[in-house]
Amino acid sequence: MNKNKKYSFDTMSIHAGSEGKNANNALNPPIYQTSTFVFDNIEHVEKVMSFESDDYVYTRGNNPTLRLFENRMTALEEGSGAVAFASGMAAISSVLFSLLKPGDNVIVNKTLYGSSYNVVTHVLPQYNVNYKIVDLSNIDKLTELIDENTKVIYFETPSNPNLTIIDIKKVCEIAKNKNIRVVVDNTFATPYFQRPLTLGADVVVHSATKYICGHGDVVGGVAVAKDFDYIQSLKFDYMCEFGGVMSPFNAWLLIRGLKTLGVRMRQHEKNAIEIARFLKRHSKVKEVFYPGLEEFKGNKIAKDQMSGFGAMISFEVDGDLEHAKKVVNSVKIAQLAVSLGDCETLIELPAAMTHRGYPKEELAKFGLTESMIRISVGLEGSEDIIEDLDNALNL
């Protein structure tokens, strides 16, 4: 690629990060399925170990397939470097551990993915790292909570599962004045719809398992940052030493997934808008949470910082928990499962599944209810998904 030319997202997702021709002129890059790499001599060892050479030592530190995936994610998120991890939670927990030390505190949004919430509220305190939970859509509340020990602000936008939209620019403006790092989970939006680093964030994390993969056959994570020195530290001081390395095969599958990310996200969103409007009109639905609806609280901010609204929808049935259970148990096309971002439409009850770590008696405080239903809208025909949901709602 011409490094001086600005290419479209779709072109970048196919070609960015490639370094010349592949071995034997293959169209697709090979999978370097090896644990270790050989040296020519001890002098070669010294050059590689002292970073005078870009050659490889051991796949836990780096690997050509992982490097290509990292370089491509760096380009798509407009960062300076990336680190691939064995899972999204390996990426999230490693980033938080890398930025926090005993006595520090992290401010998080009140609604987080269940495992992220558990890391913040149960794991970090064991290392004397404190936390504060706030509704980050209320910027005034954030300002009140910051103190001299606040080192990180961490959030998802759109948030999982109630799709809260947080103003990335405003949070970053406040954080920069206090020398606080901002970490944004961009899993729901993907770099196709949102690039937090360009809005002021320091680090972006993804569960690459989701839309980046797109086919439900990989578990992986990635962190991208603007500071290359930080990325080097995250890779060699945390990913390598904690051992949360991604396998070369999974990296290769993610490279393949990225090739169709733009195409998939456009169709995911097209389907989601139609389904959100259908649910909004349905007599058995009480409330719909989707940033693309004009009446949704975060719609204006979403329009400002995103180029699209994504394909995650949550809604409340006009009934109780038993009615919600009946709906998710009765669908035929949508699959009852955790995770998201697959070609298949997935449906779940977050409070009973992905967010079951939240205290049941305090769900409302975190923007959740027991009967909230979450849908990851897939790539099936929208008319078929709508008919499936309609049949389940009307039972």
Protein backbone atom coordinates (compact mmCIF):
# COMPACT_ATOMS: atom_id res chain seq x y z
CA MET A 1 0.00 0.00 0.00
CA ASN A 2 1.05 3.61 -0.59
CA LYS A 3 1.80 4.87 2.92
CA ASN A 4 1.20 8.47 1.87
CA LYS A 5 -2.33 7.80 0.64
CA LYS A 6 -5.51 7.82 2.73
CA TYR A 7 -7.50 4.69 1.94
CA SER A 8 -11.11 3.82 2.78
CA PHE A 9 -11.94 1.66 5.79
CA ASP A 10 -12.88 -1.31 3.61
CA THR A 11 -9.55 -1.14 1.78
CA MET A 12 -7.61 -0.79 5.05
CA SER A 13 -9.41 -3.74 6.61
CA ILE A 14 -8.14 -5.95 3.77
CA HIS A 15 -4.65 -4.56 3.18
CA ALA A 16 -3.39 -2.50 6.15
CA GLY A 17 -0.33 -3.79 7.99
CA SER A 18 0.84 -6.08 5.20
CA GLU A 19 4.57 -6.04 4.53
CA GLY A 20 5.09 -6.80 0.86
CA LYS A 21 4.28 -10.12 -0.77
CA ASN A 22 3.45 -13.22 1.22
CA ALA A 23 5.68 -16.27 1.06
CA ASN A 24 5.54 -18.04 -2.31
CA ASN A 25 3.34 -15.21 -3.63
CA ALA A 26 0.33 -16.56 -1.73
CA LEU A 27 -2.71 -14.28 -1.75
CA ASN A 28 -3.39 -14.91 1.93
CA PRO A 29 -0.75 -14.73 4.68
CA PRO A 30 0.46 -18.04 6.10
CA ILE A 31 -0.23 -19.13 9.66
CA TYR A 32 3.07 -19.17 11.51
CA GLN A 33 2.02 -22.04 13.76
CA THR A 34 5.27 -22.25 15.70
CA SER A 35 6.15 -21.82 19.35
CA THR A 36 9.76 -20.74 18.83
CA PHE A 37 12.03 -19.23 16.17
CA VAL A 38 15.62 -20.15 15.31
CA PHE A 39 18.69 -17.88 15.23
CA ASP A 40 21.62 -17.82 12.87
CA ASN A 41 24.14 -17.41 15.67
CA ILE A 42 24.63 -15.79 19.11
CA GLU A 43 25.23 -12.41 17.46
CA HIS A 44 21.79 -12.72 15.88
CA VAL A 45 20.37 -13.56 19.32
CA GLU A 46 21.85 -10.39 20.77
CA LYS A 47 20.38 -8.21 18.03
CA VAL A 48 16.89 -9.66 18.45
CA MET A 49 16.93 -9.69 22.26
CA SER A 50 18.07 -6.06 22.37
CA PHE A 51 15.40 -4.97 19.85
CA GLU A 52 17.96 -4.04 17.19
CA SER A 53 16.13 -6.48 14.91
CA ASP A 54 12.42 -7.09 14.25
CA ASP A 55 12.97 -10.85 14.10
CA TYR A 56 11.11 -13.17 16.43
CA VAL A 57 12.07 -15.17 19.51
CA TYR A 58 9.01 -16.98 20.87
CA THR A 59 5.33 -16.70 19.99
CA ARG A 60 4.42 -15.56 23.51
CA GLY A 61 6.36 -12.38 22.72
CA ASN A 62 5.41 -12.02 19.08
CA ASN A 63 4.75 -13.90 15.89
CA PRO A 64 4.35 -12.77 12.25
CA THR A 65 0.65 -13.71 12.16
CA LEU A 66 -0.06 -11.88 15.42
CA ARG A 67 1.96 -8.90 14.24
CA LEU A 68 -0.12 -8.59 11.07
CA PHE A 69 -3.33 -8.66 13.10
CA GLU A 70 -1.95 -6.06 15.53
CA ASN A 71 -0.78 -3.81 12.69
CA ARG A 72 -4.14 -4.00 10.96
CA MET A 73 -6.03 -3.15 14.17
CA THR A 74 -3.61 -0.27 14.77
CA ALA A 75 -4.44 1.15 11.35
CA LEU A 76 -8.20 0.73 11.71
CA GLU A 77 -8.28 2.35 15.17
CA GLU A 78 -5.77 5.03 14.08
CA GLY A 79 -3.38 4.19 16.91
CA SER A 80 0.39 3.80 17.23
CA GLY A 81 0.46 0.13 18.19
CA ALA A 82 -1.61 -2.81 19.38
CA VAL A 83 -1.30 -5.93 21.51
CA ALA A 84 -3.25 -9.11 20.77
CA PHE A 85 -4.52 -11.15 23.72
CA ALA A 86 -6.03 -14.59 24.24
CA SER A 87 -9.43 -13.05 25.12
CA GLY A 88 -11.18 -9.76 25.55
CA MET A 89 -10.94 -10.09 29.32
CA ALA A 90 -7.18 -10.72 29.07
CA ALA A 91 -6.93 -7.41 27.19
CA ILE A 92 -9.14 -5.51 29.65
CA SER A 93 -7.58 -6.85 32.84
CA SER A 94 -4.00 -6.45 31.52
CA VAL A 95 -4.63 -2.84 30.52
CA LEU A 96 -6.13 -2.02 33.92
CA PHE A 97 -3.27 -3.70 35.80
CA SER A 98 -0.75 -1.88 33.61
CA LEU A 99 -2.20 1.55 34.45
CA LEU A 100 -3.02 1.13 38.14
CA LYS A 101 -0.96 0.54 41.27
CA PRO A 102 -1.84 0.05 44.96
CA GLY A 103 -3.53 3.14 46.36
CA ASP A 104 -4.89 4.28 42.98
CA ASN A 105 -8.54 4.28 42.03
CA VAL A 106 -10.39 3.74 38.76
CA ILE A 107 -13.70 5.37 37.85
CA VAL A 108 -16.03 3.18 35.81
CA ASN A 109 -19.44 3.63 34.27
CA LYS A 110 -22.31 2.13 36.23
CA THR A 111 -23.09 -0.33 33.44
CA LEU A 112 -20.31 -2.70 32.37
CA TYR A 113 -20.03 -6.19 30.97
CA GLY A 114 -20.32 -8.63 33.88
CA SER A 115 -16.74 -9.91 33.88
CA SER A 116 -15.35 -6.37 33.60
CA TYR A 117 -17.49 -5.40 36.58
CA ASN A 118 -16.10 -8.37 38.53
CA VAL A 119 -12.48 -7.44 37.75
CA VAL A 120 -13.06 -3.86 38.91
CA THR A 121 -15.11 -4.63 42.03
CA HIS A 122 -13.63 -7.96 43.18
CA VAL A 123 -10.15 -8.51 41.72
CA LEU A 124 -8.54 -5.05 41.76
CA PRO A 125 -9.47 -4.35 45.41
CA GLN A 126 -7.43 -7.42 46.40
CA TYR A 127 -4.40 -5.46 45.19
CA ASN A 128 -5.44 -2.31 47.04
CA VAL A 129 -6.78 -0.66 43.89
CA ASN A 130 -10.05 1.08 44.62
CA TYR A 131 -12.96 1.86 42.33
CA LYS A 132 -15.78 4.36 41.99
CA ILE A 133 -18.96 3.71 40.02
CA VAL A 134 -20.84 6.58 38.39
CA ASP A 135 -23.26 7.30 35.57
CA LEU A 136 -20.72 8.64 33.07
CA SER A 137 -23.48 10.05 30.90
CA ASN A 138 -23.69 12.70 33.66
CA ILE A 139 -20.40 14.59 33.27
CA ASP A 140 -20.97 16.66 36.43
CA LYS A 141 -21.03 13.47 38.51
CA LEU A 142 -17.69 12.42 37.03
CA THR A 143 -16.04 15.69 38.00
CA GLU A 144 -17.26 15.31 41.60
CA LEU A 145 -15.71 11.84 41.95
CA ILE A 146 -12.19 12.55 40.68
CA ASP A 147 -9.50 12.85 43.34
CA GLU A 148 -5.69 12.85 43.41
CA ASN A 149 -5.61 9.04 43.35
CA THR A 150 -7.81 8.66 40.25
CA LYS A 151 -5.59 7.30 37.48
CA VAL A 152 -8.00 5.66 35.03
CA ILE A 153 -11.52 6.20 33.69
CA TYR A 154 -12.86 3.06 32.03
CA PHE A 155 -16.13 2.61 30.17
CA GLU A 156 -17.95 1.04 27.25
CA THR A 157 -19.89 3.10 24.73
CA PRO A 158 -22.42 1.94 23.72
CA SER A 159 -22.53 0.14 27.05
CA ASN A 160 -23.43 -3.50 27.56
CA PRO A 161 -26.37 -4.19 27.73
CA ASN A 162 -28.45 -0.98 28.00
CA LEU A 163 -26.61 0.85 25.17
CA THR A 164 -25.83 3.97 27.20
CA ILE A 165 -23.89 6.47 25.10
CA ILE A 166 -21.02 8.29 26.84
CA ASP A 167 -19.50 11.45 25.40
CA ILE A 168 -15.91 10.35 24.80
CA LYS A 169 -14.60 13.83 24.00
CA LYS A 170 -16.01 15.39 27.17
CA VAL A 171 -14.70 12.60 29.41
CA CYS A 172 -11.26 12.89 27.78
CA GLU A 173 -11.15 16.68 28.17
CA ILE A 174 -11.77 16.33 31.91
CA ALA A 175 -9.29 13.44 32.22
CA LYS A 176 -6.45 15.18 30.38
CA ASN A 177 -6.58 18.16 32.75
CA LYS A 178 -6.05 15.72 35.65
CA ASN A 179 -3.46 13.47 33.96
CA ILE A 180 -5.90 10.54 34.01
CA ARG A 181 -5.83 7.79 31.37
CA VAL A 182 -9.06 7.03 29.51
CA VAL A 183 -9.72 3.44 28.42
CA VAL A 184 -12.70 2.76 26.13
CA ASP A 185 -14.17 -0.64 25.29
CA ASN A 186 -15.14 -0.29 21.63
CA THR A 187 -16.48 -3.83 21.15
CA PHE A 188 -20.08 -2.87 20.35
CA ALA A 189 -19.24 -0.10 17.87
CA THR A 190 -16.04 -1.50 16.28
CA PRO A 191 -13.61 0.87 14.54
CA TYR A 192 -16.01 0.89 11.60
CA PHE A 193 -18.53 3.01 13.52
CA GLN A 194 -16.34 4.68 16.17
CA ARG A 195 -12.67 5.46 16.80
CA PRO A 196 -12.18 6.58 20.42
CA LEU A 197 -8.45 7.33 20.01
CA THR A 198 -9.30 10.11 17.58
CA LEU A 199 -11.68 11.54 20.20
CA GLY A 200 -9.01 11.72 22.90
CA ALA A 201 -8.97 8.26 24.51
CA ASP A 202 -5.60 6.75 25.49
CA VAL A 203 -6.39 3.05 25.01
CA VAL A 204 -9.08 1.16 23.14
CA VAL A 205 -9.91 -2.45 24.01
CA HIS A 206 -11.97 -5.02 22.15
CA SER A 207 -13.29 -8.46 22.67
CA ALA A 208 -12.14 -9.55 19.21
CA THR A 209 -14.35 -12.61 19.73
CA LYS A 210 -17.28 -10.46 18.66
CA TYR A 211 -17.57 -8.35 15.48
CA ILE A 212 -13.87 -8.42 14.60
CA CYS A 213 -14.13 -12.18 14.22
CA GLY A 214 -17.77 -12.10 13.15
CA HIS A 215 -18.27 -15.86 12.88
CA GLY A 216 -18.38 -17.15 16.45
CA ASP A 217 -15.34 -19.38 16.09
CA VAL A 218 -12.57 -17.43 17.87
CA VAL A 219 -11.89 -16.17 21.38
CA GLY A 220 -9.50 -13.21 21.37
CA GLY A 221 -8.89 -9.66 22.51
CA VAL A 222 -6.86 -6.64 21.50
CA ALA A 223 -5.74 -3.32 22.94
CA VAL A 224 -4.74 -0.35 20.77
CA ALA A 225 -3.08 2.84 22.05
CA LYS A 226 -1.73 6.17 20.84
CA ASP A 227 1.49 5.82 22.86
CA PHE A 228 3.85 3.29 21.26
CA ASP A 229 6.08 3.12 24.36
CA TYR A 230 3.03 2.17 26.42
CA ILE A 231 2.16 -0.56 23.90
CA GLN A 232 5.67 -1.99 24.22
CA SER A 233 5.30 -2.06 28.00
CA LEU A 234 1.82 -3.63 27.78
CA LYS A 235 3.15 -6.33 25.46
CA PHE A 236 6.38 -7.29 27.23
CA ASP A 237 5.66 -6.40 30.86
CA TYR A 238 2.06 -7.62 31.02
CA MET A 239 0.83 -9.73 28.11
CA CYS A 240 4.06 -11.74 27.99
CA GLU A 241 4.46 -12.08 31.73
CA PHE A 242 0.79 -12.82 32.45
CA GLY A 243 0.89 -15.18 29.48
CA GLY A 244 -2.40 -14.19 27.84
CA VAL A 245 -1.07 -14.71 24.32
CA MET A 246 -3.33 -15.22 21.31
CA SER A 247 -2.69 -18.31 19.19
CA PRO A 248 -1.42 -17.76 15.62
CA PHE A 249 -4.40 -19.67 14.23
CA ASN A 250 -6.86 -17.39 16.03
CA ALA A 251 -4.94 -14.32 14.81
CA TRP A 252 -5.21 -15.66 11.25
CA LEU A 253 -8.97 -16.16 11.64
CA LEU A 254 -9.30 -12.59 12.96
CA ILE A 255 -7.35 -11.25 9.98
CA ARG A 256 -9.81 -13.09 7.78
CA GLY A 257 -12.74 -11.68 9.77
CA LEU A 258 -11.48 -8.12 9.43
CA LYS A 259 -11.66 -8.35 5.64
CA THR A 260 -15.47 -8.27 5.78
CA LEU A 261 -15.91 -6.08 8.88
CA GLY A 262 -17.24 -3.05 7.01
CA VAL A 263 -19.60 -5.10 4.83
CA ARG A 264 -20.92 -6.99 7.84
CA MET A 265 -21.39 -3.91 10.03
CA ARG A 266 -23.39 -2.15 7.35
CA GLN A 267 -25.77 -5.10 7.05
CA HIS A 268 -25.90 -5.70 10.81
CA GLU A 269 -26.91 -2.07 11.33
CA LYS A 270 -29.47 -2.09 8.50
CA ASN A 271 -31.16 -5.09 10.08
CA ALA A 272 -30.94 -3.61 13.57
CA ILE A 273 -32.65 -0.35 12.60
CA GLU A 274 -35.56 -2.26 11.08
CA ILE A 275 -35.86 -4.52 14.12
CA ALA A 276 -35.62 -1.64 16.61
CA ARG A 277 -38.44 0.16 14.82
CA PHE A 278 -40.52 -3.02 14.78
CA LEU A 279 -40.00 -3.51 18.52
CA LYS A 280 -40.83 0.15 19.18
CA ARG A 281 -44.22 -0.33 17.51
CA HIS A 282 -45.01 -3.69 19.13
CA SER A 283 -47.83 -3.71 21.67
CA LYS A 284 -46.02 -6.26 23.87
CA VAL A 285 -42.83 -4.18 24.17
CA LYS A 286 -42.55 -1.54 26.89
CA GLU A 287 -39.19 0.08 26.06
CA VAL A 288 -36.48 -0.26 23.41
CA PHE A 289 -32.82 0.63 23.96
CA TYR A 290 -31.12 1.43 20.65
CA PRO A 291 -28.98 4.50 19.86
CA GLY A 292 -30.44 4.77 16.36
CA LEU A 293 -33.91 5.67 17.64
CA GLU A 294 -34.43 9.44 17.67
CA GLU A 295 -36.06 9.33 21.11
CA PHE A 296 -33.18 7.35 22.66
CA LYS A 297 -31.43 9.44 25.31
CA GLY A 298 -27.96 9.17 23.77
CA ASN A 299 -29.02 9.55 20.14
CA LYS A 300 -27.54 13.05 19.64
CA ILE A 301 -24.14 12.15 21.15
CA ALA A 302 -24.10 8.92 19.15
CA LYS A 303 -24.64 10.92 15.95
CA ASP A 304 -21.74 13.21 16.89
CA GLN A 305 -19.14 10.57 17.74
CA MET A 306 -20.25 7.53 15.72
CA SER A 307 -20.74 7.02 11.99
CA GLY A 308 -23.46 4.43 12.67
CA PHE A 309 -25.42 2.94 15.54
CA GLY A 310 -24.37 -0.70 15.57
CA ALA A 311 -26.47 -3.83 15.87
CA MET A 312 -27.07 -4.35 19.58
CA ILE A 313 -30.61 -3.84 20.86
CA SER A 314 -32.08 -4.33 24.33
CA PHE A 315 -35.73 -4.12 25.23
CA GLU A 316 -38.22 -4.62 28.02
CA VAL A 317 -41.37 -6.64 27.41
CA ASP A 318 -44.68 -5.30 28.62
CA GLY A 319 -44.86 -7.89 31.37
CA ASP A 320 -42.77 -9.59 34.02
CA LEU A 321 -39.67 -11.77 34.15
CA GLU A 322 -41.68 -14.86 33.23
CA HIS A 323 -42.86 -13.18 30.04
CA ALA A 324 -39.26 -12.26 29.18
CA LYS A 325 -38.17 -15.87 29.77
CA LYS A 326 -40.98 -17.09 27.54
CA VAL A 327 -39.83 -14.82 24.71
CA VAL A 328 -36.19 -15.98 24.77
CA ASN A 329 -37.28 -19.60 25.13
CA SER A 330 -39.67 -19.37 22.17
CA VAL A 331 -37.60 -17.90 19.35
CA LYS A 332 -36.69 -20.27 16.54
CA ILE A 333 -34.15 -18.40 14.39
CA ALA A 334 -32.48 -16.33 17.11
CA GLN A 335 -30.20 -18.47 19.26
CA LEU A 336 -30.23 -18.30 23.08
CA ALA A 337 -26.56 -17.69 23.83
CA VAL A 338 -24.05 -15.34 25.39
CA SER A 339 -21.62 -13.38 23.17
CA LEU A 340 -22.51 -11.18 20.20
CA GLY A 341 -21.36 -9.99 16.80
CA ASP A 342 -21.90 -13.27 14.97
CA CYS A 343 -23.66 -13.85 11.65
CA GLU A 344 -26.40 -15.54 13.66
CA THR A 345 -28.86 -13.45 15.69
CA LEU A 346 -28.28 -14.13 19.40
CA ILE A 347 -30.70 -13.42 22.22
CA GLU A 348 -30.26 -13.51 25.99
CA LEU A 349 -31.35 -12.29 29.42
CA PRO A 350 -28.26 -10.36 30.63
CA ALA A 351 -29.13 -10.48 34.35
CA ALA A 352 -29.27 -14.28 34.16
CA MET A 353 -26.33 -14.73 31.79
CA THR A 354 -23.62 -12.19 30.82
CA HIS A 355 -24.30 -9.90 33.81
CA ARG A 356 -25.27 -12.44 36.46
CA GLY A 357 -22.43 -11.18 38.71
CA TYR A 358 -24.38 -8.02 39.52
CA PRO A 359 -26.29 -8.14 42.83
CA LYS A 360 -29.93 -8.88 41.95
CA GLU A 361 -31.29 -6.48 44.56
CA GLU A 362 -29.30 -3.60 43.07
CA LEU A 363 -29.84 -4.12 39.34
CA ALA A 364 -31.76 -0.85 38.88
CA LYS A 365 -28.81 1.10 40.28
CA PHE A 366 -26.68 -0.25 37.44
CA GLY A 367 -29.25 0.45 34.72
CA LEU A 368 -30.41 -3.17 34.46
CA THR A 369 -33.50 -5.24 35.18
CA GLU A 370 -34.05 -9.00 35.47
CA SER A 371 -36.41 -8.93 32.49
CA MET A 372 -34.22 -6.96 30.06
CA ILE A 373 -33.70 -8.87 26.80
CA ARG A 374 -30.60 -8.26 24.69
CA ILE A 375 -30.36 -9.04 20.98
CA SER A 376 -27.24 -9.20 18.86
CA VAL A 377 -28.82 -8.71 15.45
CA GLY A 378 -27.34 -11.06 12.88
CA LEU A 379 -27.14 -11.18 9.11
CA GLU A 380 -30.26 -13.23 8.41
CA GLY A 381 -33.06 -11.58 6.45
CA SER A 382 -34.52 -8.85 8.67
CA GLU A 383 -38.04 -9.97 7.78
CA ASP A 384 -37.28 -13.44 9.14
CA ILE A 385 -35.83 -12.09 12.40
CA ILE A 386 -38.85 -9.81 12.83
CA GLU A 387 -41.29 -12.65 12.23
CA ASP A 388 -39.40 -14.82 14.73
CA LEU A 389 -39.53 -12.12 17.43
CA ASP A 390 -43.16 -11.31 16.67
CA ASN A 391 -44.19 -14.95 17.08
CA ALA A 392 -42.30 -15.22 20.39
CA LEU A 393 -43.73 -11.96 21.76
CA ASN A 394 -47.29 -12.92 20.89
CA LEU A 395 -47.28 -16.36 22.51
